[in-house]
């Protein structure tokens, strides 16, 4: 069965939303339990956000999907302009978040609050970003794109699939997927439940 770019986009959004929400829940759990965070797990989660959504997923949207939609209709130009601006700022935003995590790890408790606030702001921003794509752009794309457009998108989105959105991840990113899954405490992941 051929890949469907729109399904892949939605699946990748769900995987990313799951990681982002889990990140917030983990931070809440660490604070509630007064336990130090698992910095290696937090780094793995941020690496995933940087590696897939920022470098691969966004690129295919900004360089392929959005121009195709623009070539067929002007009805969602405002949303596309906004999303393109947010994609341009995305790499800087994840770097700032990774720096805030490093500062927390190196400097200790005095940097905890800043990191937690940065995570919450980033998660709120990203969830809203994906909502705009799914509610304003994808329905238009599904309606206006030609079969040739769809085949091109399907081929592009079928390559470099997000391992967290694929039920059977393999390849070089499998260890990242497994690290996140196996080290995130239950019920968020498959790791040991927090005491």
N, C-alpha and C. Protein backbone atom coordinates (compact mmCIF):
# COMPACT_ATOMS: atom_id res chain seq x y z
N UNK A 1 0.84 -1.18 0.00
CA UNK A 1 0.00 0.00 0.00
C UNK A 1 0.88 1.24 0.00
N UNK A 2 0.57 2.18 -0.84
CA UNK A 2 1.38 3.40 -0.96
C UNK A 2 1.22 4.27 0.29
N UNK A 3 2.27 4.99 0.60
CA UNK A 3 2.23 5.90 1.74
C UNK A 3 1.27 7.05 1.45
N UNK A 4 0.65 7.56 2.49
CA UNK A 4 -0.21 8.72 2.36
C UNK A 4 0.41 9.84 3.17
N UNK A 5 0.88 10.88 2.50
CA UNK A 5 1.58 11.97 3.17
C UNK A 5 0.75 12.60 4.28
N UNK A 6 -0.55 12.78 4.05
CA UNK A 6 -1.38 13.42 5.06
C UNK A 6 -1.50 12.57 6.31
N UNK A 7 -1.58 11.25 6.13
CA UNK A 7 -1.62 10.36 7.29
C UNK A 7 -0.28 10.40 8.02
N UNK A 8 0.81 10.37 7.26
CA UNK A 8 2.14 10.42 7.86
C UNK A 8 2.31 11.71 8.66
N UNK A 9 1.90 12.83 8.10
CA UNK A 9 2.02 14.11 8.81
C UNK A 9 1.26 14.04 10.13
N UNK A 10 0.03 13.57 10.07
CA UNK A 10 -0.77 13.49 11.31
C UNK A 10 -0.16 12.50 12.31
N UNK A 11 0.34 11.37 11.82
CA UNK A 11 1.00 10.40 12.71
C UNK A 11 2.24 11.01 13.36
N UNK A 12 3.02 11.74 12.57
CA UNK A 12 4.22 12.37 13.12
C UNK A 12 3.85 13.46 14.11
N UNK A 13 2.78 14.18 13.85
CA UNK A 13 2.31 15.18 14.81
C UNK A 13 1.91 14.51 16.12
N UNK A 14 1.22 13.38 16.04
CA UNK A 14 0.81 12.67 17.26
C UNK A 14 2.03 12.20 18.05
N UNK A 15 3.03 11.67 17.34
CA UNK A 15 4.24 11.20 18.02
C UNK A 15 4.95 12.36 18.70
N UNK A 16 5.08 13.47 18.00
CA UNK A 16 5.73 14.64 18.59
C UNK A 16 4.94 15.17 19.77
N UNK A 17 3.63 15.27 19.63
CA UNK A 17 2.79 15.76 20.73
C UNK A 17 2.94 14.86 21.95
N UNK A 18 3.04 13.56 21.72
CA UNK A 18 3.22 12.62 22.82
C UNK A 18 4.54 12.87 23.56
N UNK A 19 5.61 13.07 22.80
CA UNK A 19 6.91 13.35 23.43
C UNK A 19 6.86 14.67 24.18
N UNK A 20 6.28 15.69 23.58
CA UNK A 20 6.23 17.00 24.23
C UNK A 20 5.40 16.96 25.51
N UNK A 21 4.25 16.32 25.44
CA UNK A 21 3.41 16.22 26.65
C UNK A 21 4.10 15.37 27.72
N UNK A 22 4.78 14.31 27.30
CA UNK A 22 5.51 13.47 28.25
C UNK A 22 6.63 14.25 28.92
N UNK A 23 7.27 15.12 28.18
CA UNK A 23 8.32 15.96 28.74
C UNK A 23 7.78 16.82 29.88
N UNK A 24 6.64 17.44 29.67
CA UNK A 24 6.02 18.26 30.72
C UNK A 24 5.63 17.40 31.91
N UNK A 25 5.01 16.24 31.64
CA UNK A 25 4.60 15.36 32.72
C UNK A 25 5.79 14.84 33.52
N UNK A 26 6.90 14.54 32.83
CA UNK A 26 8.11 14.11 33.53
C UNK A 26 8.64 15.21 34.46
N UNK A 27 8.68 16.42 33.94
CA UNK A 27 9.17 17.52 34.78
C UNK A 27 8.27 17.72 35.99
N UNK A 28 6.97 17.62 35.79
CA UNK A 28 6.03 17.72 36.91
C UNK A 28 6.27 16.60 37.92
N UNK A 29 6.50 15.40 37.42
CA UNK A 29 6.75 14.26 38.30
C UNK A 29 8.03 14.45 39.10
N UNK A 30 9.11 14.88 38.42
CA UNK A 30 10.37 15.12 39.12
C UNK A 30 10.19 16.16 40.23
N UNK A 31 9.46 17.22 39.95
CA UNK A 31 9.24 18.26 40.95
C UNK A 31 8.38 17.73 42.10
N UNK A 32 7.29 17.05 41.75
CA UNK A 32 6.37 16.53 42.76
C UNK A 32 7.09 15.54 43.69
N UNK A 33 7.92 14.67 43.11
CA UNK A 33 8.62 13.65 43.89
C UNK A 33 9.92 14.15 44.49
N UNK A 34 10.29 15.40 44.18
CA UNK A 34 11.55 15.99 44.66
C UNK A 34 12.73 15.09 44.29
N UNK A 35 12.71 14.60 43.05
CA UNK A 35 13.80 13.75 42.57
C UNK A 35 14.56 14.48 41.47
N UNK A 36 15.84 14.18 41.35
CA UNK A 36 16.59 14.80 40.25
C UNK A 36 16.11 14.23 38.93
N UNK A 37 16.13 15.02 37.89
CA UNK A 37 15.68 14.52 36.59
C UNK A 37 16.68 13.56 35.98
N UNK A 38 16.18 12.76 35.07
CA UNK A 38 17.03 11.89 34.26
C UNK A 38 17.48 12.74 33.08
N UNK A 39 18.63 13.41 33.23
CA UNK A 39 19.10 14.33 32.20
C UNK A 39 19.35 13.63 30.87
N UNK A 40 19.82 12.38 30.92
CA UNK A 40 20.07 11.65 29.67
C UNK A 40 18.75 11.43 28.92
N UNK A 41 17.69 11.12 29.63
CA UNK A 41 16.38 10.94 28.99
C UNK A 41 15.88 12.27 28.43
N UNK A 42 16.00 13.35 29.18
CA UNK A 42 15.57 14.66 28.69
C UNK A 42 16.36 15.06 27.44
N UNK A 43 17.66 14.78 27.44
CA UNK A 43 18.48 15.08 26.26
C UNK A 43 18.02 14.25 25.06
N UNK A 44 17.70 12.98 25.28
CA UNK A 44 17.24 12.12 24.19
C UNK A 44 15.93 12.65 23.61
N UNK A 45 15.05 13.12 24.47
CA UNK A 45 13.76 13.64 24.01
C UNK A 45 13.96 14.92 23.18
N UNK A 46 14.84 15.80 23.65
CA UNK A 46 15.10 17.03 22.90
C UNK A 46 15.86 16.73 21.60
N UNK A 47 16.73 15.73 21.63
CA UNK A 47 17.42 15.32 20.41
C UNK A 47 16.40 14.86 19.37
N UNK A 48 15.44 14.07 19.81
CA UNK A 48 14.38 13.61 18.90
C UNK A 48 13.66 14.80 18.28
N UNK A 49 13.26 15.78 19.10
CA UNK A 49 12.54 16.95 18.59
C UNK A 49 13.39 17.69 17.57
N UNK A 50 14.66 17.82 17.85
CA UNK A 50 15.57 18.52 16.94
C UNK A 50 15.79 17.71 15.67
N UNK A 51 16.00 16.44 15.80
CA UNK A 51 16.39 15.60 14.67
C UNK A 51 15.26 15.37 13.67
N UNK A 52 14.07 15.07 14.14
CA UNK A 52 12.99 14.75 13.21
C UNK A 52 12.10 15.92 12.86
N UNK A 53 11.36 16.45 13.80
CA UNK A 53 10.46 17.55 13.40
C UNK A 53 11.21 18.74 12.81
N UNK A 54 12.27 19.16 13.45
CA UNK A 54 12.95 20.37 12.99
C UNK A 54 13.69 20.16 11.67
N UNK A 55 14.40 19.07 11.53
CA UNK A 55 15.27 18.89 10.36
C UNK A 55 14.60 18.19 9.19
N UNK A 56 13.70 17.26 9.45
CA UNK A 56 13.12 16.48 8.36
C UNK A 56 11.66 16.84 8.10
N UNK A 57 10.84 16.77 9.12
CA UNK A 57 9.41 17.01 8.95
C UNK A 57 9.14 18.44 8.46
N UNK A 58 9.69 19.43 9.14
CA UNK A 58 9.46 20.82 8.74
C UNK A 58 9.99 21.12 7.34
N UNK A 59 11.13 20.55 7.02
CA UNK A 59 11.72 20.79 5.70
C UNK A 59 10.78 20.33 4.60
N UNK A 60 10.20 19.15 4.77
CA UNK A 60 9.28 18.63 3.74
C UNK A 60 8.02 19.49 3.66
N UNK A 61 7.57 20.02 4.79
CA UNK A 61 6.40 20.90 4.76
C UNK A 61 6.73 22.22 4.06
N UNK A 62 7.80 22.87 4.51
CA UNK A 62 8.14 24.20 3.98
C UNK A 62 8.62 24.16 2.53
N UNK A 63 9.33 23.11 2.14
CA UNK A 63 9.89 23.07 0.79
C UNK A 63 8.99 22.36 -0.23
N UNK A 64 8.03 21.57 0.25
CA UNK A 64 7.18 20.82 -0.67
C UNK A 64 5.70 21.11 -0.47
N UNK A 65 5.17 20.75 0.68
CA UNK A 65 3.74 20.86 0.91
C UNK A 65 3.25 22.30 0.79
N UNK A 66 3.85 23.22 1.51
CA UNK A 66 3.35 24.60 1.52
C UNK A 66 3.42 25.24 0.13
N UNK A 67 4.55 25.12 -0.61
CA UNK A 67 4.56 25.68 -1.97
C UNK A 67 3.51 25.05 -2.89
N UNK A 68 3.28 23.76 -2.73
CA UNK A 68 2.25 23.12 -3.56
C UNK A 68 0.87 23.72 -3.26
N UNK A 69 0.57 23.89 -1.99
CA UNK A 69 -0.73 24.48 -1.63
C UNK A 69 -0.82 25.90 -2.18
N UNK A 70 0.25 26.66 -2.02
CA UNK A 70 0.26 28.05 -2.53
C UNK A 70 0.06 28.09 -4.04
N UNK A 71 0.55 27.08 -4.74
CA UNK A 71 0.42 27.07 -6.20
C UNK A 71 -1.01 26.75 -6.65
N UNK A 72 -1.81 26.20 -5.76
CA UNK A 72 -3.18 25.81 -6.11
C UNK A 72 -4.26 26.75 -5.57
N UNK A 73 -3.93 27.46 -4.48
CA UNK A 73 -4.94 28.34 -3.88
C UNK A 73 -4.25 29.39 -3.01
N UNK A 74 -4.95 30.51 -2.78
CA UNK A 74 -4.43 31.57 -1.91
C UNK A 74 -5.20 31.58 -0.58
N UNK A 75 -6.12 30.64 -0.40
CA UNK A 75 -7.05 30.75 0.72
C UNK A 75 -6.42 30.55 2.10
N UNK A 76 -5.26 29.93 2.18
CA UNK A 76 -4.64 29.79 3.52
C UNK A 76 -3.25 30.41 3.56
N UNK A 77 -3.02 31.44 2.73
CA UNK A 77 -1.72 32.11 2.70
C UNK A 77 -1.31 32.65 4.07
N UNK A 78 -2.26 33.22 4.79
CA UNK A 78 -1.92 33.80 6.10
C UNK A 78 -1.40 32.71 7.05
N UNK A 79 -2.08 31.57 7.08
CA UNK A 79 -1.63 30.46 7.93
C UNK A 79 -0.27 29.94 7.46
N UNK A 80 -0.10 29.82 6.14
CA UNK A 80 1.18 29.33 5.61
C UNK A 80 2.32 30.30 5.92
N UNK A 81 2.05 31.60 5.82
CA UNK A 81 3.08 32.59 6.17
C UNK A 81 3.50 32.42 7.63
N UNK A 82 2.51 32.28 8.49
CA UNK A 82 2.79 32.11 9.92
C UNK A 82 3.60 30.83 10.15
N UNK A 83 3.18 29.73 9.55
CA UNK A 83 3.87 28.45 9.75
C UNK A 83 5.30 28.49 9.22
N UNK A 84 5.50 29.13 8.08
CA UNK A 84 6.86 29.27 7.55
C UNK A 84 7.74 30.07 8.51
N UNK A 85 7.20 31.16 9.05
CA UNK A 85 7.97 31.96 10.03
C UNK A 85 8.32 31.11 11.25
N UNK A 86 7.37 30.32 11.70
CA UNK A 86 7.62 29.48 12.87
C UNK A 86 8.65 28.39 12.55
N UNK A 87 8.61 27.84 11.35
CA UNK A 87 9.63 26.86 10.96
C UNK A 87 11.01 27.50 10.95
N UNK A 88 11.10 28.73 10.45
CA UNK A 88 12.39 29.42 10.42
C UNK A 88 12.95 29.64 11.82
N UNK A 89 12.07 29.88 12.78
CA UNK A 89 12.52 30.12 14.16
C UNK A 89 12.70 28.82 14.95
N UNK A 90 12.24 27.71 14.39
CA UNK A 90 12.23 26.45 15.12
C UNK A 90 13.59 25.96 15.55
N UNK A 91 14.57 26.03 14.66
CA UNK A 91 15.90 25.53 15.01
C UNK A 91 16.49 26.33 16.16
N UNK A 92 16.31 27.64 16.13
CA UNK A 92 16.81 28.48 17.23
C UNK A 92 16.09 28.16 18.54
N UNK A 93 14.78 27.92 18.44
CA UNK A 93 14.00 27.63 19.64
C UNK A 93 14.45 26.33 20.30
N UNK A 94 14.72 25.30 19.51
CA UNK A 94 15.17 24.03 20.11
C UNK A 94 16.58 24.17 20.67
N UNK A 95 17.43 24.96 20.02
CA UNK A 95 18.78 25.20 20.56
C UNK A 95 18.68 25.92 21.92
N UNK A 96 17.80 26.89 22.01
CA UNK A 96 17.61 27.60 23.28
C UNK A 96 17.14 26.65 24.37
N UNK A 97 16.25 25.73 24.00
CA UNK A 97 15.74 24.76 24.96
C UNK A 97 16.85 23.79 25.38
N UNK A 98 17.64 23.34 24.43
CA UNK A 98 18.76 22.45 24.76
C UNK A 98 19.77 23.17 25.66
N UNK A 99 19.99 24.45 25.40
CA UNK A 99 20.90 25.23 26.25
C UNK A 99 20.32 25.36 27.66
N UNK A 100 19.03 25.60 27.77
CA UNK A 100 18.40 25.72 29.09
C UNK A 100 18.52 24.41 29.86
N UNK A 101 18.41 23.27 29.16
CA UNK A 101 18.59 21.97 29.81
C UNK A 101 20.03 21.82 30.29
N UNK A 102 20.98 22.17 29.44
CA UNK A 102 22.39 22.08 29.83
C UNK A 102 22.68 22.98 31.02
N UNK A 103 22.12 24.18 31.01
CA UNK A 103 22.32 25.10 32.14
C UNK A 103 21.76 24.50 33.43
N UNK A 104 20.60 23.88 33.35
CA UNK A 104 20.00 23.22 34.51
C UNK A 104 20.89 22.09 35.00
N UNK A 105 21.38 21.27 34.07
CA UNK A 105 22.23 20.15 34.45
C UNK A 105 23.54 20.63 35.07
N UNK A 106 24.14 21.67 34.52
CA UNK A 106 25.44 22.15 35.00
C UNK A 106 25.33 23.05 36.23
N UNK A 107 24.29 23.88 36.27
CA UNK A 107 24.17 24.89 37.32
C UNK A 107 23.25 24.47 38.48
N UNK A 108 22.45 23.45 38.25
CA UNK A 108 21.62 22.93 39.33
C UNK A 108 20.29 23.65 39.49
N UNK A 109 19.76 23.54 40.68
CA UNK A 109 18.40 23.98 41.00
C UNK A 109 18.11 25.43 40.61
N UNK A 110 19.10 26.30 40.68
CA UNK A 110 18.85 27.70 40.34
C UNK A 110 18.40 27.88 38.89
N UNK A 111 18.66 26.89 38.04
CA UNK A 111 18.25 26.96 36.63
C UNK A 111 17.03 26.08 36.31
N UNK A 112 16.53 25.38 37.30
CA UNK A 112 15.40 24.47 37.09
C UNK A 112 14.16 25.22 36.60
N UNK A 113 13.79 26.28 37.29
CA UNK A 113 12.58 27.03 36.94
C UNK A 113 12.63 27.57 35.53
N UNK A 114 13.78 28.08 35.13
CA UNK A 114 13.91 28.64 33.77
C UNK A 114 13.74 27.53 32.72
N UNK A 115 14.33 26.36 32.99
CA UNK A 115 14.18 25.26 32.05
C UNK A 115 12.72 24.81 31.98
N UNK A 116 12.09 24.63 33.13
CA UNK A 116 10.69 24.19 33.14
C UNK A 116 9.79 25.19 32.40
N UNK A 117 10.02 26.47 32.60
CA UNK A 117 9.21 27.48 31.90
C UNK A 117 9.48 27.46 30.40
N UNK A 118 10.75 27.28 30.04
CA UNK A 118 11.09 27.20 28.61
C UNK A 118 10.41 26.00 27.96
N UNK A 119 10.38 24.87 28.65
CA UNK A 119 9.72 23.67 28.11
C UNK A 119 8.23 23.95 27.93
N UNK A 120 7.59 24.50 28.94
CA UNK A 120 6.15 24.76 28.84
C UNK A 120 5.82 25.71 27.69
N UNK A 121 6.61 26.75 27.55
CA UNK A 121 6.38 27.70 26.46
C UNK A 121 6.57 27.03 25.11
N UNK A 122 7.62 26.24 24.98
CA UNK A 122 7.91 25.55 23.73
C UNK A 122 6.79 24.57 23.39
N UNK A 123 6.35 23.80 24.38
CA UNK A 123 5.29 22.82 24.15
C UNK A 123 4.00 23.51 23.73
N UNK A 124 3.62 24.58 24.43
CA UNK A 124 2.41 25.32 24.06
C UNK A 124 2.51 25.85 22.63
N UNK A 125 3.66 26.42 22.30
CA UNK A 125 3.89 26.93 20.95
C UNK A 125 3.75 25.82 19.92
N UNK A 126 4.40 24.69 20.17
CA UNK A 126 4.45 23.62 19.18
C UNK A 126 3.09 22.96 18.99
N UNK A 127 2.37 22.75 20.09
CA UNK A 127 1.04 22.14 19.96
C UNK A 127 0.11 23.05 19.16
N UNK A 128 0.22 24.35 19.39
CA UNK A 128 -0.58 25.30 18.61
C UNK A 128 -0.17 25.29 17.14
N UNK A 129 1.12 25.22 16.89
CA UNK A 129 1.65 25.17 15.53
C UNK A 129 1.06 23.98 14.77
N UNK A 130 1.08 22.82 15.40
CA UNK A 130 0.55 21.62 14.75
C UNK A 130 -0.96 21.71 14.55
N UNK A 131 -1.64 22.33 15.50
CA UNK A 131 -3.09 22.51 15.36
C UNK A 131 -3.42 23.37 14.14
N UNK A 132 -2.65 24.43 13.92
CA UNK A 132 -2.88 25.29 12.76
C UNK A 132 -2.66 24.49 11.47
N UNK A 133 -1.59 23.71 11.44
CA UNK A 133 -1.34 22.89 10.24
C UNK A 133 -2.52 21.95 9.98
N UNK A 134 -2.96 21.28 11.02
CA UNK A 134 -4.00 20.26 10.84
C UNK A 134 -5.39 20.84 10.61
N UNK A 135 -5.67 21.99 11.19
CA UNK A 135 -7.02 22.54 11.06
C UNK A 135 -7.17 23.52 9.90
N UNK A 136 -6.08 24.19 9.49
CA UNK A 136 -6.19 25.21 8.46
C UNK A 136 -5.51 24.85 7.14
N UNK A 137 -4.45 24.05 7.18
CA UNK A 137 -3.69 23.78 5.97
C UNK A 137 -4.00 22.40 5.37
N UNK A 138 -3.95 21.37 6.19
CA UNK A 138 -4.16 20.03 5.63
C UNK A 138 -5.53 19.84 4.98
N UNK A 139 -6.62 20.35 5.56
CA UNK A 139 -7.91 20.19 4.85
C UNK A 139 -7.92 20.87 3.48
N UNK A 140 -7.28 22.02 3.39
CA UNK A 140 -7.20 22.71 2.10
C UNK A 140 -6.33 21.90 1.14
N UNK A 141 -5.19 21.42 1.63
CA UNK A 141 -4.29 20.63 0.78
C UNK A 141 -5.00 19.38 0.26
N UNK A 142 -5.72 18.71 1.11
CA UNK A 142 -6.42 17.50 0.70
C UNK A 142 -7.46 17.79 -0.38
N UNK A 143 -7.99 18.97 -0.35
CA UNK A 143 -9.02 19.36 -1.31
C UNK A 143 -8.45 19.84 -2.64
N UNK A 144 -7.32 20.58 -2.63
CA UNK A 144 -6.87 21.26 -3.84
C UNK A 144 -5.69 20.60 -4.57
N UNK A 145 -4.94 19.74 -3.90
CA UNK A 145 -3.76 19.17 -4.56
C UNK A 145 -4.16 18.13 -5.59
N UNK A 146 -3.38 18.08 -6.67
CA UNK A 146 -3.63 17.12 -7.75
C UNK A 146 -3.09 15.75 -7.37
N UNK A 147 -3.43 14.76 -8.16
CA UNK A 147 -2.90 13.41 -7.92
C UNK A 147 -1.38 13.40 -8.05
N UNK A 148 -0.84 14.15 -9.01
CA UNK A 148 0.62 14.22 -9.16
C UNK A 148 1.26 14.87 -7.93
N UNK A 149 0.63 15.94 -7.41
CA UNK A 149 1.12 16.57 -6.18
C UNK A 149 1.14 15.55 -5.05
N UNK A 150 0.07 14.81 -4.92
CA UNK A 150 -0.06 13.84 -3.83
C UNK A 150 1.00 12.74 -3.93
N UNK A 151 1.25 12.27 -5.15
CA UNK A 151 2.28 11.24 -5.32
C UNK A 151 3.65 11.77 -4.90
N UNK A 152 3.95 13.01 -5.29
CA UNK A 152 5.23 13.62 -4.90
C UNK A 152 5.34 13.73 -3.39
N UNK A 153 4.27 14.19 -2.76
CA UNK A 153 4.25 14.30 -1.29
C UNK A 153 4.36 12.93 -0.63
N UNK A 154 3.60 11.99 -1.14
CA UNK A 154 3.63 10.64 -0.56
C UNK A 154 5.04 10.08 -0.59
N UNK A 155 5.73 10.22 -1.72
CA UNK A 155 7.10 9.72 -1.84
C UNK A 155 8.03 10.42 -0.86
N UNK A 156 7.91 11.74 -0.77
CA UNK A 156 8.80 12.51 0.13
C UNK A 156 8.56 12.16 1.58
N UNK A 157 7.31 12.08 2.00
CA UNK A 157 7.02 11.81 3.40
C UNK A 157 7.23 10.35 3.78
N UNK A 158 7.24 9.46 2.79
CA UNK A 158 7.50 8.05 3.08
C UNK A 158 8.98 7.81 3.40
N UNK A 159 9.85 8.68 2.89
CA UNK A 159 11.28 8.59 3.20
C UNK A 159 11.52 9.25 4.55
N UNK A 160 12.50 8.74 5.28
CA UNK A 160 12.90 9.34 6.57
C UNK A 160 11.73 9.44 7.53
N UNK A 161 10.98 8.37 7.67
CA UNK A 161 9.85 8.36 8.59
C UNK A 161 10.32 8.56 10.01
N UNK A 162 9.50 9.22 10.78
CA UNK A 162 9.75 9.44 12.19
C UNK A 162 9.66 8.09 12.92
N UNK A 163 10.73 7.67 13.63
CA UNK A 163 10.70 6.36 14.27
C UNK A 163 9.66 6.27 15.39
N UNK A 164 9.29 7.39 15.98
CA UNK A 164 8.27 7.34 17.03
C UNK A 164 6.87 7.26 16.45
N UNK A 165 6.71 7.58 15.18
CA UNK A 165 5.41 7.49 14.52
C UNK A 165 5.25 6.17 13.78
N UNK A 166 6.34 5.44 13.64
CA UNK A 166 6.33 4.17 12.93
C UNK A 166 6.23 3.04 13.96
N UNK A 167 5.26 2.17 13.84
CA UNK A 167 5.10 1.12 14.85
C UNK A 167 6.26 0.13 14.90
N UNK A 168 7.08 0.07 13.86
CA UNK A 168 8.22 -0.84 13.85
C UNK A 168 9.48 -0.09 13.42
N UNK A 169 9.99 0.80 14.27
CA UNK A 169 11.16 1.59 13.87
C UNK A 169 12.39 0.72 13.73
N UNK A 170 13.22 1.09 12.78
CA UNK A 170 14.48 0.40 12.62
C UNK A 170 15.52 1.40 12.15
N UNK A 171 16.68 0.93 11.83
CA UNK A 171 17.71 1.81 11.33
C UNK A 171 18.47 2.51 12.44
N UNK A 172 19.17 3.56 12.05
CA UNK A 172 20.07 4.26 12.96
C UNK A 172 19.36 4.90 14.14
N UNK A 173 18.09 5.24 14.00
CA UNK A 173 17.39 5.95 15.07
C UNK A 173 16.67 5.03 16.04
N UNK A 174 16.71 3.73 15.80
CA UNK A 174 16.06 2.80 16.71
C UNK A 174 16.58 2.95 18.15
N UNK A 175 17.90 3.10 18.37
CA UNK A 175 18.36 3.27 19.76
C UNK A 175 17.78 4.51 20.45
N UNK A 176 17.57 5.59 19.70
CA UNK A 176 16.98 6.80 20.29
C UNK A 176 15.54 6.49 20.70
N UNK A 177 14.80 5.87 19.79
CA UNK A 177 13.42 5.49 20.07
C UNK A 177 13.36 4.61 21.32
N UNK A 178 14.20 3.58 21.36
CA UNK A 178 14.17 2.65 22.49
C UNK A 178 14.58 3.34 23.79
N UNK A 179 15.55 4.23 23.71
CA UNK A 179 15.98 4.93 24.93
C UNK A 179 14.84 5.76 25.52
N UNK A 180 14.14 6.46 24.66
CA UNK A 180 13.01 7.27 25.14
C UNK A 180 11.92 6.36 25.69
N UNK A 181 11.54 5.35 24.93
CA UNK A 181 10.45 4.47 25.32
C UNK A 181 10.76 3.70 26.60
N UNK A 182 11.96 3.14 26.68
CA UNK A 182 12.30 2.27 27.81
C UNK A 182 12.70 3.03 29.07
N UNK A 183 13.07 4.29 28.95
CA UNK A 183 13.49 5.06 30.11
C UNK A 183 12.46 6.05 30.61
N UNK A 184 11.41 6.26 29.84
CA UNK A 184 10.33 7.11 30.32
C UNK A 184 9.49 6.27 31.27
N UNK A 185 9.32 6.73 32.51
CA UNK A 185 8.61 5.92 33.49
C UNK A 185 7.17 5.63 33.08
N UNK A 186 6.69 4.45 33.47
CA UNK A 186 5.28 4.10 33.28
C UNK A 186 4.45 5.09 34.10
N UNK A 187 3.31 5.48 33.66
CA UNK A 187 2.57 4.97 32.52
C UNK A 187 2.88 5.72 31.22
N UNK A 188 3.82 6.68 31.23
CA UNK A 188 4.13 7.44 30.01
C UNK A 188 4.93 6.60 29.03
N UNK A 189 5.79 5.75 29.53
CA UNK A 189 6.62 4.90 28.69
C UNK A 189 6.61 3.51 29.27
N UNK A 190 7.66 2.74 28.94
CA UNK A 190 7.73 1.36 29.41
C UNK A 190 8.74 1.19 30.54
N UNK A 191 9.36 2.29 30.97
CA UNK A 191 10.33 2.21 32.05
C UNK A 191 9.67 1.94 33.39
N UNK A 192 10.50 1.72 34.39
CA UNK A 192 9.99 1.46 35.74
C UNK A 192 9.20 2.65 36.22
N UNK A 193 8.07 2.38 36.87
CA UNK A 193 7.26 3.45 37.44
C UNK A 193 8.04 4.14 38.53
N UNK A 194 7.81 5.45 38.65
CA UNK A 194 8.48 6.21 39.70
C UNK A 194 8.00 5.71 41.05
N UNK A 195 8.91 5.72 42.01
CA UNK A 195 8.56 5.25 43.37
C UNK A 195 7.62 6.20 44.06
